[in-house]
């Protein structure tokens, strides 16, 4: 599986049920999300996240923020009142088109289509804050590892990244199936089973591997704690990572 497969899948979600694809709450499928209620969940989440940052004793500048895996802009719009500039990035052009239609902050909030396996559309050290939730879990680990490295590259010294990613399935059978998921065999199986319907594939990286990756890229792990945003069948964690002010 490559990023074109991921992009095709999420474009289909954007065409069929974009709000539910972003926030798959029971009973909200088939277009049942009310836009006002949907975006209100983003404001509630960001208020809680920023309170969490304060609880860590971390002081961050409020110039530029990045919402990675922005979808239709649920969290990007919620970040905009708290930062001078906010950028949302997503792999799906259909999601980005919808996000732009719901943008209430004009040029203060910008959306970018990024089909690449890096964040080369941004220079080094441009963001004070990066947030990513229920996004990295939907791509094969070789890509999520690369994006975590990129988070540390595009953070300013003294900047903070908060991201969520599952560690592993709780069920042993599902753990054994994980190596098959990024393969052509798995794509063939899903094509037979689901046809052209989009599928929410789940992936993870063990907590030990994420901590090692952060250290290798000169990030400072401020906090890691269990997170219940992933599928209930997975163990998941939220990581808060500081780019040390002395980093070059």
C-alpha atoms as a PDB file:
ATOM      1  CA  UNK A   1       0.000   0.000   0.000  1.00  0.00           C
ATOM      2  CA  UNK A   2       1.313   3.438  -0.898  1.00  0.00           C
ATOM      3  CA  UNK A   3       0.015   6.928  -0.280  1.00  0.00           C
ATOM      4  CA  UNK A   4      -2.019   6.876  -3.487  1.00  0.00           C
ATOM      5  CA  UNK A   5      -4.104   4.075  -1.979  1.00  0.00           C
ATOM      6  CA  UNK A   6      -4.561   6.081   1.223  1.00  0.00           C
ATOM      7  CA  UNK A   7      -5.515   9.148  -0.802  1.00  0.00           C
ATOM      8  CA  UNK A   8      -8.028   7.262  -2.963  1.00  0.00           C
ATOM      9  CA  UNK A   9      -9.647   5.777   0.120  1.00  0.00           C
ATOM     10  CA  UNK A  10     -10.067   9.137   1.863  1.00  0.00           C
ATOM     11  CA  UNK A  11     -11.258  10.867  -1.269  1.00  0.00           C
ATOM     12  CA  UNK A  12     -14.061   8.299  -1.350  1.00  0.00           C
ATOM     13  CA  UNK A  13     -14.885   9.047   2.268  1.00  0.00           C
ATOM     14  CA  UNK A  14     -14.945  12.745   1.384  1.00  0.00           C
ATOM     15  CA  UNK A  15     -17.389  12.063  -1.430  1.00  0.00           C
ATOM     16  CA  UNK A  16     -19.722   9.807   0.563  1.00  0.00           C
ATOM     17  CA  UNK A  17     -19.843  10.832   4.243  1.00  0.00           C
ATOM     18  CA  UNK A  18     -17.044  13.279   5.110  1.00  0.00           C
ATOM     19  CA  UNK A  19     -18.126  14.362   8.606  1.00  0.00           C
ATOM     20  CA  UNK A  20     -18.680  10.806   9.810  1.00  0.00           C
ATOM     21  CA  UNK A  21     -15.359   9.733   8.239  1.00  0.00           C
ATOM     22  CA  UNK A  22     -13.628  12.332  10.419  1.00  0.00           C
ATOM     23  CA  UNK A  23     -15.630  11.645  13.575  1.00  0.00           C
ATOM     24  CA  UNK A  24     -17.213   8.194  13.383  1.00  0.00           C
ATOM     25  CA  UNK A  25     -19.594   8.456  16.299  1.00  0.00           C
ATOM     26  CA  UNK A  26     -22.350   5.827  16.472  1.00  0.00           C
ATOM     27  CA  UNK A  27     -25.597   7.018  14.921  1.00  0.00           C
ATOM     28  CA  UNK A  28     -23.928   9.819  12.943  1.00  0.00           C
ATOM     29  CA  UNK A  29     -23.279   7.885   9.749  1.00  0.00           C
ATOM     30  CA  UNK A  30     -25.117   8.516   6.455  1.00  0.00           C
ATOM     31  CA  UNK A  31     -24.893  12.301   6.705  1.00  0.00           C
ATOM     32  CA  UNK A  32     -26.514  12.639  10.144  1.00  0.00           C
ATOM     33  CA  UNK A  33     -23.909  15.046  11.500  1.00  0.00           C
ATOM     34  CA  UNK A  34     -25.210  18.594  11.858  1.00  0.00           C
ATOM     35  CA  UNK A  35     -22.347  20.922  10.815  1.00  0.00           C
ATOM     36  CA  UNK A  36     -22.735  23.209  13.844  1.00  0.00           C
ATOM     37  CA  UNK A  37     -22.646  20.264  16.242  1.00  0.00           C
ATOM     38  CA  UNK A  38     -19.746  18.724  14.360  1.00  0.00           C
ATOM     39  CA  UNK A  39     -17.547  21.823  14.535  1.00  0.00           C
ATOM     40  CA  UNK A  40     -18.537  22.393  18.166  1.00  0.00           C
ATOM     41  CA  UNK A  41     -16.804  19.101  19.027  1.00  0.00           C
ATOM     42  CA  UNK A  42     -13.622  20.552  17.568  1.00  0.00           C
ATOM     43  CA  UNK A  43     -13.819  23.634  19.777  1.00  0.00           C
ATOM     44  CA  UNK A  44     -14.373  21.460  22.836  1.00  0.00           C
ATOM     45  CA  UNK A  45     -11.416  19.245  21.920  1.00  0.00           C
ATOM     46  CA  UNK A  46      -8.994  22.116  21.340  1.00  0.00           C
ATOM     47  CA  UNK A  47     -10.009  23.846  24.579  1.00  0.00           C
ATOM     48  CA  UNK A  48      -9.247  20.594  26.404  1.00  0.00           C
ATOM     49  CA  UNK A  49      -5.936  20.132  24.571  1.00  0.00           C
ATOM     50  CA  UNK A  50      -4.737  23.646  25.370  1.00  0.00           C
ATOM     51  CA  UNK A  51      -5.724  23.153  29.012  1.00  0.00           C
ATOM     52  CA  UNK A  52      -3.674  19.945  28.919  1.00  0.00           C
ATOM     53  CA  UNK A  53      -0.689  21.906  27.558  1.00  0.00           C
ATOM     54  CA  UNK A  54      -1.024  24.359  30.453  1.00  0.00           C
ATOM     55  CA  UNK A  55      -1.138  21.446  32.891  1.00  0.00           C
ATOM     56  CA  UNK A  56       2.216  20.259  31.564  1.00  0.00           C
ATOM     57  CA  UNK A  57       3.793  23.576  32.493  1.00  0.00           C
ATOM     58  CA  UNK A  58       4.799  24.172  28.877  1.00  0.00           C
ATOM     59  CA  UNK A  59       4.607  27.695  27.517  1.00  0.00           C
ATOM     60  CA  UNK A  60       4.271  27.928  23.742  1.00  0.00           C
ATOM     61  CA  UNK A  61       4.140  30.928  21.449  1.00  0.00           C
ATOM     62  CA  UNK A  62       0.835  31.510  19.673  1.00  0.00           C
ATOM     63  CA  UNK A  63       2.068  32.510  16.228  1.00  0.00           C
ATOM     64  CA  UNK A  64       1.660  29.456  13.954  1.00  0.00           C
ATOM     65  CA  UNK A  65      -0.089  26.101  14.425  1.00  0.00           C
ATOM     66  CA  UNK A  66      -0.432  23.020  12.228  1.00  0.00           C
ATOM     67  CA  UNK A  67      -3.394  20.642  12.156  1.00  0.00           C
ATOM     68  CA  UNK A  68      -2.032  17.475  10.548  1.00  0.00           C
ATOM     69  CA  UNK A  69      -4.733  15.326   8.951  1.00  0.00           C
ATOM     70  CA  UNK A  70      -7.192  18.204   9.056  1.00  0.00           C
ATOM     71  CA  UNK A  71      -9.977  16.527   7.077  1.00  0.00           C
ATOM     72  CA  UNK A  72     -12.811  19.026   6.714  1.00  0.00           C
ATOM     73  CA  UNK A  73     -11.215  21.442   9.200  1.00  0.00           C
ATOM     74  CA  UNK A  74     -12.946  20.473  12.454  1.00  0.00           C
ATOM     75  CA  UNK A  75      -9.828  21.154  14.548  1.00  0.00           C
ATOM     76  CA  UNK A  76      -8.210  23.725  12.256  1.00  0.00           C
ATOM     77  CA  UNK A  77     -11.142  26.079  12.716  1.00  0.00           C
ATOM     78  CA  UNK A  78     -11.015  25.510  16.461  1.00  0.00           C
ATOM     79  CA  UNK A  79      -7.296  26.369  16.602  1.00  0.00           C
ATOM     80  CA  UNK A  80      -7.719  29.622  14.675  1.00  0.00           C
ATOM     81  CA  UNK A  81      -8.938  31.802  17.608  1.00  0.00           C
ATOM     82  CA  UNK A  82      -5.852  30.790  19.609  1.00  0.00           C
ATOM     83  CA  UNK A  83      -3.087  31.348  17.021  1.00  0.00           C
ATOM     84  CA  UNK A  84      -2.204  34.128  14.610  1.00  0.00           C
ATOM     85  CA  UNK A  85      -1.933  31.639  11.720  1.00  0.00           C
ATOM     86  CA  UNK A  86      -3.217  28.092  11.369  1.00  0.00           C
ATOM     87  CA  UNK A  87      -2.473  25.608   8.599  1.00  0.00           C
ATOM     88  CA  UNK A  88      -4.429  22.431   7.928  1.00  0.00           C
ATOM     89  CA  UNK A  89      -2.878  19.618   5.901  1.00  0.00           C
ATOM     90  CA  UNK A  90      -4.623  16.593   4.435  1.00  0.00           C
ATOM     91  CA  UNK A  91      -4.035  13.963   1.763  1.00  0.00           C
ATOM     92  CA  UNK A  92      -7.598  14.141   0.390  1.00  0.00           C
ATOM     93  CA  UNK A  93      -8.536  16.858  -2.087  1.00  0.00           C
ATOM     94  CA  UNK A  94     -12.237  16.254  -1.469  1.00  0.00           C
ATOM     95  CA  UNK A  95     -11.745  16.843   2.261  1.00  0.00           C
ATOM     96  CA  UNK A  96      -9.667  19.966   1.617  1.00  0.00           C
ATOM     97  CA  UNK A  97     -12.333  21.371  -0.720  1.00  0.00           C
ATOM     98  CA  UNK A  98     -14.964  20.950   2.000  1.00  0.00           C
ATOM     99  CA  UNK A  99     -12.655  22.460   4.634  1.00  0.00           C
ATOM    100  CA  UNK A 100     -12.204  25.581   2.518  1.00  0.00           C
ATOM    101  CA  UNK A 101     -15.981  25.963   2.190  1.00  0.00           C
ATOM    102  CA  UNK A 102     -16.337  25.947   5.989  1.00  0.00           C
ATOM    103  CA  UNK A 103     -13.400  28.284   6.656  1.00  0.00           C
ATOM    104  CA  UNK A 104     -14.533  31.194   8.844  1.00  0.00           C
ATOM    105  CA  UNK A 105     -11.111  32.841   9.199  1.00  0.00           C
ATOM    106  CA  UNK A 106     -10.102  33.812   5.665  1.00  0.00           C
ATOM    107  CA  UNK A 107      -6.292  33.926   5.203  1.00  0.00           C
ATOM    108  CA  UNK A 108      -5.639  33.412   8.889  1.00  0.00           C
ATOM    109  CA  UNK A 109      -6.550  29.758   8.308  1.00  0.00           C
ATOM    110  CA  UNK A 110      -5.087  28.042   5.246  1.00  0.00           C
ATOM    111  CA  UNK A 111      -5.589  24.521   3.932  1.00  0.00           C
ATOM    112  CA  UNK A 112      -3.055  22.510   1.961  1.00  0.00           C
ATOM    113  CA  UNK A 113      -3.379  19.332  -0.062  1.00  0.00           C
ATOM    114  CA  UNK A 114      -0.308  17.200   0.656  1.00  0.00           C
ATOM    115  CA  UNK A 115      -0.050  13.869  -1.200  1.00  0.00           C
ATOM    116  CA  UNK A 116       3.617  13.484  -0.256  1.00  0.00           C
ATOM    117  CA  UNK A 117       5.193  11.306   2.433  1.00  0.00           C
ATOM    118  CA  UNK A 118       6.818  14.382   3.993  1.00  0.00           C
ATOM    119  CA  UNK A 119       5.967  17.980   4.896  1.00  0.00           C
ATOM    120  CA  UNK A 120       8.353  19.571   2.432  1.00  0.00           C
ATOM    121  CA  UNK A 121       5.758  22.235   1.624  1.00  0.00           C
ATOM    122  CA  UNK A 122       6.934  23.831   4.912  1.00  0.00           C
ATOM    123  CA  UNK A 123      10.405  25.078   5.801  1.00  0.00           C
ATOM    124  CA  UNK A 124      12.263  24.011   8.929  1.00  0.00           C
ATOM    125  CA  UNK A 125      11.126  25.518  12.221  1.00  0.00           C
ATOM    126  CA  UNK A 126       7.890  27.301  11.279  1.00  0.00           C
ATOM    127  CA  UNK A 127       5.317  26.041  13.815  1.00  0.00           C
ATOM    128  CA  UNK A 128       4.886  26.743  17.516  1.00  0.00           C
ATOM    129  CA  UNK A 129       2.303  23.999  17.899  1.00  0.00           C
ATOM    130  CA  UNK A 130       1.385  20.845  15.975  1.00  0.00           C
ATOM    131  CA  UNK A 131      -1.684  18.772  16.723  1.00  0.00           C
ATOM    132  CA  UNK A 132      -2.712  15.479  15.148  1.00  0.00           C
ATOM    133  CA  UNK A 133      -5.519  13.257  16.388  1.00  0.00           C
ATOM    134  CA  UNK A 134      -7.075  10.119  14.831  1.00  0.00           C
ATOM    135  CA  UNK A 135      -4.968  10.555  11.691  1.00  0.00           C
ATOM    136  CA  UNK A 136      -1.673   8.673  11.969  1.00  0.00           C
ATOM    137  CA  UNK A 137      -3.657   5.567  12.825  1.00  0.00           C
ATOM    138  CA  UNK A 138      -5.000   5.339   9.273  1.00  0.00           C
ATOM    139  CA  UNK A 139      -1.704   5.004   7.407  1.00  0.00           C
ATOM    140  CA  UNK A 140       0.950   2.264   7.240  1.00  0.00           C
ATOM    141  CA  UNK A 141       3.655   2.747   9.886  1.00  0.00           C
ATOM    142  CA  UNK A 142       6.424   3.601   7.419  1.00  0.00           C
ATOM    143  CA  UNK A 143       4.493   6.774   6.598  1.00  0.00           C
ATOM    144  CA  UNK A 144       3.464   7.703  10.149  1.00  0.00           C
ATOM    145  CA  UNK A 145       7.082   7.329  11.287  1.00  0.00           C
ATOM    146  CA  UNK A 146       8.149   9.724   8.549  1.00  0.00           C
ATOM    147  CA  UNK A 147       5.534  12.294   9.518  1.00  0.00           C
ATOM    148  CA  UNK A 148       6.562  12.159  13.184  1.00  0.00           C
ATOM    149  CA  UNK A 149      10.128  12.950  12.069  1.00  0.00           C
ATOM    150  CA  UNK A 150       8.740  15.812  10.015  1.00  0.00           C
ATOM    151  CA  UNK A 151       6.817  17.184  12.996  1.00  0.00           C
ATOM    152  CA  UNK A 152      10.119  17.699  14.773  1.00  0.00           C
ATOM    153  CA  UNK A 153      11.690  19.268  11.703  1.00  0.00           C
ATOM    154  CA  UNK A 154       8.964  21.865  11.129  1.00  0.00           C
ATOM    155  CA  UNK A 155       8.563  22.735  14.816  1.00  0.00           C
ATOM    156  CA  UNK A 156      10.284  25.875  16.010  1.00  0.00           C
ATOM    157  CA  UNK A 157      12.779  25.443  18.848  1.00  0.00           C
ATOM    158  CA  UNK A 158      10.616  25.546  21.941  1.00  0.00           C
ATOM    159  CA  UNK A 159       7.594  24.345  19.947  1.00  0.00           C
ATOM    160  CA  UNK A 160       5.331  21.503  21.016  1.00  0.00           C
ATOM    161  CA  UNK A 161       3.772  18.628  19.059  1.00  0.00           C
ATOM    162  CA  UNK A 162       0.883  16.604  20.420  1.00  0.00           C
ATOM    163  CA  UNK A 163      -0.124  13.545  18.460  1.00  0.00           C
ATOM    164  CA  UNK A 164      -2.068  10.341  18.997  1.00  0.00           C
ATOM    165  CA  UNK A 165      -1.259   6.950  17.533  1.00  0.00           C
ATOM    166  CA  UNK A 166      -2.304   3.416  18.510  1.00  0.00           C
ATOM    167  CA  UNK A 167       0.276   1.009  19.848  1.00  0.00           C
ATOM    168  CA  UNK A 168      -1.156  -2.408  18.991  1.00  0.00           C
ATOM    169  CA  UNK A 169      -4.452  -4.308  18.758  1.00  0.00           C
ATOM    170  CA  UNK A 170      -5.659  -5.872  21.981  1.00  0.00           C
ATOM    171  CA  UNK A 171      -6.673  -9.050  20.155  1.00  0.00           C
ATOM    172  CA  UNK A 172      -3.836 -11.444  19.321  1.00  0.00           C
ATOM    173  CA  UNK A 173      -5.368 -12.464  15.976  1.00  0.00           C
ATOM    174  CA  UNK A 174      -5.501  -8.837  14.900  1.00  0.00           C
ATOM    175  CA  UNK A 175      -1.874  -8.382  15.932  1.00  0.00           C
ATOM    176  CA  UNK A 176      -0.869 -11.267  13.673  1.00  0.00           C
ATOM    177  CA  UNK A 177      -2.822  -9.754  10.758  1.00  0.00           C
ATOM    178  CA  UNK A 178      -1.143  -6.327  10.974  1.00  0.00           C
ATOM    179  CA  UNK A 179       1.854  -7.163   8.723  1.00  0.00           C
ATOM    180  CA  UNK A 180      -0.579  -8.107   5.931  1.00  0.00           C
ATOM    181  CA  UNK A 181      -2.424  -4.802   5.870  1.00  0.00           C
ATOM    182  CA  UNK A 182       0.054  -2.687   3.862  1.00  0.00           C
ATOM    183  CA  UNK A 183       0.322  -5.404   1.176  1.00  0.00           C
ATOM    184  CA  UNK A 184      -1.235  -5.954  -2.251  1.00  0.00           C
ATOM    185  CA  UNK A 185      -2.842  -9.144  -0.917  1.00  0.00           C
ATOM    186  CA  UNK A 186      -4.737  -7.138   1.682  1.00  0.00           C
ATOM    187  CA  UNK A 187      -5.885  -4.614  -0.946  1.00  0.00           C
ATOM    188  CA  UNK A 188      -7.137  -7.514  -3.073  1.00  0.00           C
ATOM    189  CA  UNK A 189      -9.014  -8.983  -0.090  1.00  0.00           C
ATOM    190  CA  UNK A 190     -10.671  -5.653   0.706  1.00  0.00           C
ATOM    191  CA  UNK A 191     -11.585  -5.136  -2.943  1.00  0.00           C
ATOM    192  CA  UNK A 192     -13.356  -8.493  -2.966  1.00  0.00           C
ATOM    193  CA  UNK A 193     -15.089  -7.840   0.349  1.00  0.00           C
ATOM    194  CA  UNK A 194     -15.993  -4.136   0.082  1.00  0.00           C
ATOM    195  CA  UNK A 195     -15.850  -3.319  -3.619  1.00  0.00           C
ATOM    196  CA  UNK A 196     -15.284   0.409  -4.125  1.00  0.00           C
ATOM    197  CA  UNK A 197     -16.484   1.382  -0.657  1.00  0.00           C
ATOM    198  CA  UNK A 198     -13.875   3.213   1.464  1.00  0.00           C
ATOM    199  CA  UNK A 199     -12.416   1.294   4.401  1.00  0.00           C
ATOM    200  CA  UNK A 200     -10.962   2.629   7.661  1.00  0.00           C
ATOM    201  CA  UNK A 201      -7.772   0.625   7.963  1.00  0.00           C
ATOM    202  CA  UNK A 202      -6.093   0.841  11.361  1.00  0.00           C
ATOM    203  CA  UNK A 203      -2.354   0.732  12.025  1.00  0.00           C
ATOM    204  CA  UNK A 204      -0.121   1.348  14.999  1.00  0.00           C
ATOM    205  CA  UNK A 205       3.428   1.764  16.241  1.00  0.00           C
ATOM    206  CA  UNK A 206       4.375   0.387  19.646  1.00  0.00           C
ATOM    207  CA  UNK A 207       4.898   2.929  22.396  1.00  0.00           C
ATOM    208  CA  UNK A 208       8.537   1.858  22.760  1.00  0.00           C
ATOM    209  CA  UNK A 209       9.163   2.465  19.057  1.00  0.00           C
ATOM    210  CA  UNK A 210       7.521   5.899  19.145  1.00  0.00           C
ATOM    211  CA  UNK A 211       9.599   6.932  22.168  1.00  0.00           C
ATOM    212  CA  UNK A 212      12.745   5.711  20.407  1.00  0.00           C
ATOM    213  CA  UNK A 213      11.800   7.625  17.244  1.00  0.00           C
ATOM    214  CA  UNK A 214      11.290  10.832  19.221  1.00  0.00           C
ATOM    215  CA  UNK A 215      14.694  10.490  20.891  1.00  0.00           C
ATOM    216  CA  UNK A 216      16.446   9.729  17.593  1.00  0.00           C
ATOM    217  CA  UNK A 217      15.092  12.981  16.169  1.00  0.00           C
ATOM    218  CA  UNK A 218      16.145  15.039  19.183  1.00  0.00           C
ATOM    219  CA  UNK A 219      12.679  15.539  20.576  1.00  0.00           C
ATOM    220  CA  UNK A 220      12.014  15.803  24.290  1.00  0.00           C
ATOM    221  CA  UNK A 221       9.135  13.608  25.438  1.00  0.00           C
ATOM    222  CA  UNK A 222       7.188  15.749  27.889  1.00  0.00           C
ATOM    223  CA  UNK A 223       4.306  13.356  28.480  1.00  0.00           C
ATOM    224  CA  UNK A 224       2.769  10.127  27.196  1.00  0.00           C
ATOM    225  CA  UNK A 225      -0.524   8.773  28.395  1.00  0.00           C
ATOM    226  CA  UNK A 226      -3.247   6.342  27.301  1.00  0.00           C
ATOM    227  CA  UNK A 227      -5.720   7.814  24.843  1.00  0.00           C
ATOM    228  CA  UNK A 228      -9.186   6.500  24.015  1.00  0.00           C
ATOM    229  CA  UNK A 229      -9.635   8.176  20.635  1.00  0.00           C
ATOM    230  CA  UNK A 230      -8.644   5.125  18.624  1.00  0.00           C
ATOM    231  CA  UNK A 231     -10.799   2.112  17.904  1.00  0.00           C
ATOM    232  CA  UNK A 232     -11.744   0.406  21.187  1.00  0.00           C
ATOM    233  CA  UNK A 233      -9.959  -2.739  19.997  1.00  0.00           C
ATOM    234  CA  UNK A 234      -6.584  -0.946  20.175  1.00  0.00           C
ATOM    235  CA  UNK A 235      -4.279   0.340  22.874  1.00  0.00           C
ATOM    236  CA  UNK A 236      -3.563   3.959  21.989  1.00  0.00           C
ATOM    237  CA  UNK A 237      -1.402   6.765  23.373  1.00  0.00           C
ATOM    238  CA  UNK A 238      -1.114  10.530  23.200  1.00  0.00           C
ATOM    239  CA  UNK A 239       2.412  11.962  23.039  1.00  0.00           C
ATOM    240  CA  UNK A 240       3.486  15.494  23.920  1.00  0.00           C
ATOM    241  CA  UNK A 241       6.885  16.269  22.391  1.00  0.00           C
ATOM    242  CA  UNK A 242       8.934  19.428  22.798  1.00  0.00           C
ATOM    243  CA  UNK A 243      11.598  20.572  20.380  1.00  0.00           C
ATOM    244  CA  UNK A 244      14.330  21.804  22.740  1.00  0.00           C
ATOM    245  CA  UNK A 245      15.146  25.479  22.441  1.00  0.00           C
ATOM    246  CA  UNK A 246      18.831  24.632  21.923  1.00  0.00           C
ATOM    247  CA  UNK A 247      18.044  22.347  18.935  1.00  0.00           C
ATOM    248  CA  UNK A 248      19.538  23.292  15.574  1.00  0.00           C
END
